[in-house]
Amino acid sequence: MDITLMYYLIPSLIMFCCGVYGFITRKNMIAILISLELMLNAVDINFVVFNRFLFPGQLEGMFFTLFAIAIAAAETALAIAIIINIFRVAKNIDVRDLTKMKF
């Protein structure tokens, strides 16, 4: 049985759609951040899969994915630090309540 490109793209598409749905519907900043990470992971899967199928002997997609994961980890750390500071000030991390922080 030959594994085609669709066996990888369909789960990646489902992951990305779940991330978009979570990003749009959630009001909690932590849940929004998790949804964003889910979308980034789906994109990373696509990088690796397309590299594997288009250029089987090369590793550019793999290295690009490693850099994307490192950047996503740094972004997550920064976002969590911002969320912690917002929680200290507002005592809530609901997105609807962030307008109260305007001067």
Protein backbone atom coordinates (compact mmCIF):
# COMPACT_ATOMS: atom_id res chain seq x y z
CA MET A 1 0.00 0.00 0.00
CA ASP A 2 1.44 3.30 -1.10
CA ILE A 3 1.01 6.23 1.26
CA THR A 4 0.00 9.27 -0.74
CA LEU A 5 0.15 12.94 0.07
CA MET A 6 -3.50 13.04 1.13
CA TYR A 7 -2.87 10.77 4.13
CA TYR A 8 -0.81 13.62 5.60
CA LEU A 9 -2.68 16.65 4.29
CA ILE A 10 -6.14 15.65 5.53
CA PRO A 11 -5.12 15.42 9.24
CA SER A 12 -3.13 18.63 8.85
CA LEU A 13 -6.16 20.35 7.37
CA ILE A 14 -8.34 19.09 10.21
CA MET A 15 -5.79 20.38 12.76
CA PHE A 16 -5.65 23.77 11.06
CA CYS A 17 -9.46 24.06 10.88
CA CYS A 18 -9.77 23.14 14.56
CA GLY A 19 -7.19 25.82 15.36
CA VAL A 20 -9.06 28.46 13.35
CA TYR A 21 -12.35 27.49 14.99
CA GLY A 22 -10.79 27.69 18.45
CA PHE A 23 -9.12 31.01 17.67
CA ILE A 24 -12.38 32.57 16.51
CA THR A 25 -14.74 31.18 19.16
CA ARG A 26 -12.68 31.26 22.36
CA LYS A 27 -12.61 34.24 24.70
CA ASN A 28 -9.87 33.00 27.03
CA MET A 29 -6.40 34.12 25.98
CA ILE A 30 -4.77 30.82 26.92
CA ALA A 31 -7.25 28.91 24.72
CA ILE A 32 -6.59 31.36 21.88
CA LEU A 33 -2.85 30.79 22.27
CA ILE A 34 -3.32 27.00 22.20
CA SER A 35 -5.43 27.34 19.04
CA LEU A 36 -2.72 29.43 17.43
CA GLU A 37 -0.12 26.80 18.29
CA LEU A 38 -2.36 24.13 16.77
CA MET A 39 -2.46 26.09 13.51
CA LEU A 40 1.33 26.52 13.54
CA ASN A 41 1.83 22.78 14.09
CA ALA A 42 -0.44 22.01 11.13
CA VAL A 43 1.67 24.30 8.96
CA ASP A 44 4.85 22.61 10.20
CA ILE A 45 3.43 19.22 9.21
CA ASN A 46 2.78 20.60 5.73
CA PHE A 47 6.38 21.85 5.46
CA VAL A 48 7.76 18.42 6.28
CA VAL A 49 5.30 16.54 4.06
CA PHE A 50 5.86 18.70 0.99
CA ASN A 51 9.62 18.53 1.47
CA ARG A 52 9.43 14.73 1.77
CA PHE A 53 7.32 14.30 -1.37
CA LEU A 54 8.86 17.00 -3.60
CA PHE A 55 12.53 16.68 -2.62
CA PRO A 56 13.01 13.26 -0.97
CA GLY A 57 16.78 13.49 -0.51
CA GLN A 58 16.96 17.01 0.87
CA LEU A 59 16.23 18.40 4.32
CA GLU A 60 15.29 22.05 3.72
CA GLY A 61 11.69 21.54 4.84
CA MET A 62 12.86 19.79 7.99
CA PHE A 63 15.24 22.60 8.92
CA PHE A 64 12.62 25.23 8.15
CA THR A 65 10.21 23.38 10.41
CA LEU A 66 12.77 23.28 13.23
CA PHE A 67 13.25 27.04 12.95
CA ALA A 68 9.46 27.53 12.88
CA ILE A 69 9.10 25.43 16.04
CA ALA A 70 11.83 27.46 17.77
CA ILE A 71 10.15 30.73 16.81
CA ALA A 72 6.76 29.39 17.95
CA ALA A 73 8.26 28.41 21.31
CA ALA A 74 9.71 31.91 21.77
CA GLU A 75 6.40 33.45 20.73
CA THR A 76 4.53 31.26 23.22
CA ALA A 77 6.86 32.23 26.05
CA LEU A 78 6.40 35.91 25.25
CA ALA A 79 2.62 35.55 24.96
CA ILE A 80 2.37 33.74 28.28
CA ALA A 81 4.45 36.47 29.93
CA ILE A 82 2.08 39.10 28.52
CA ILE A 83 -0.96 37.10 29.66
CA ILE A 84 0.48 36.79 33.18
CA ASN A 85 1.02 40.55 33.35
CA ILE A 86 -2.52 41.19 32.09
CA PHE A 87 -3.85 38.82 34.74
CA ARG A 88 -1.95 40.69 37.45
CA VAL A 89 -3.55 43.97 36.42
CA ALA A 90 -7.07 42.92 35.38
CA LYS A 91 -7.49 39.72 37.48
CA ASN A 92 -9.05 38.17 34.37
CA ILE A 93 -7.80 36.90 31.00
CA ASP A 94 -11.07 37.14 29.11
CA VAL A 95 -10.59 38.94 25.80
CA ARG A 96 -13.84 40.88 26.20
CA ASP A 97 -12.56 42.49 29.40
CA LEU A 98 -9.35 43.84 27.88
CA THR A 99 -11.04 47.08 26.82
CA LYS A 100 -11.12 48.01 30.51
CA MET A 101 -7.32 48.36 30.42
CA LYS A 102 -7.39 51.30 27.97
CA PHE A 103 -6.30 54.64 29.39
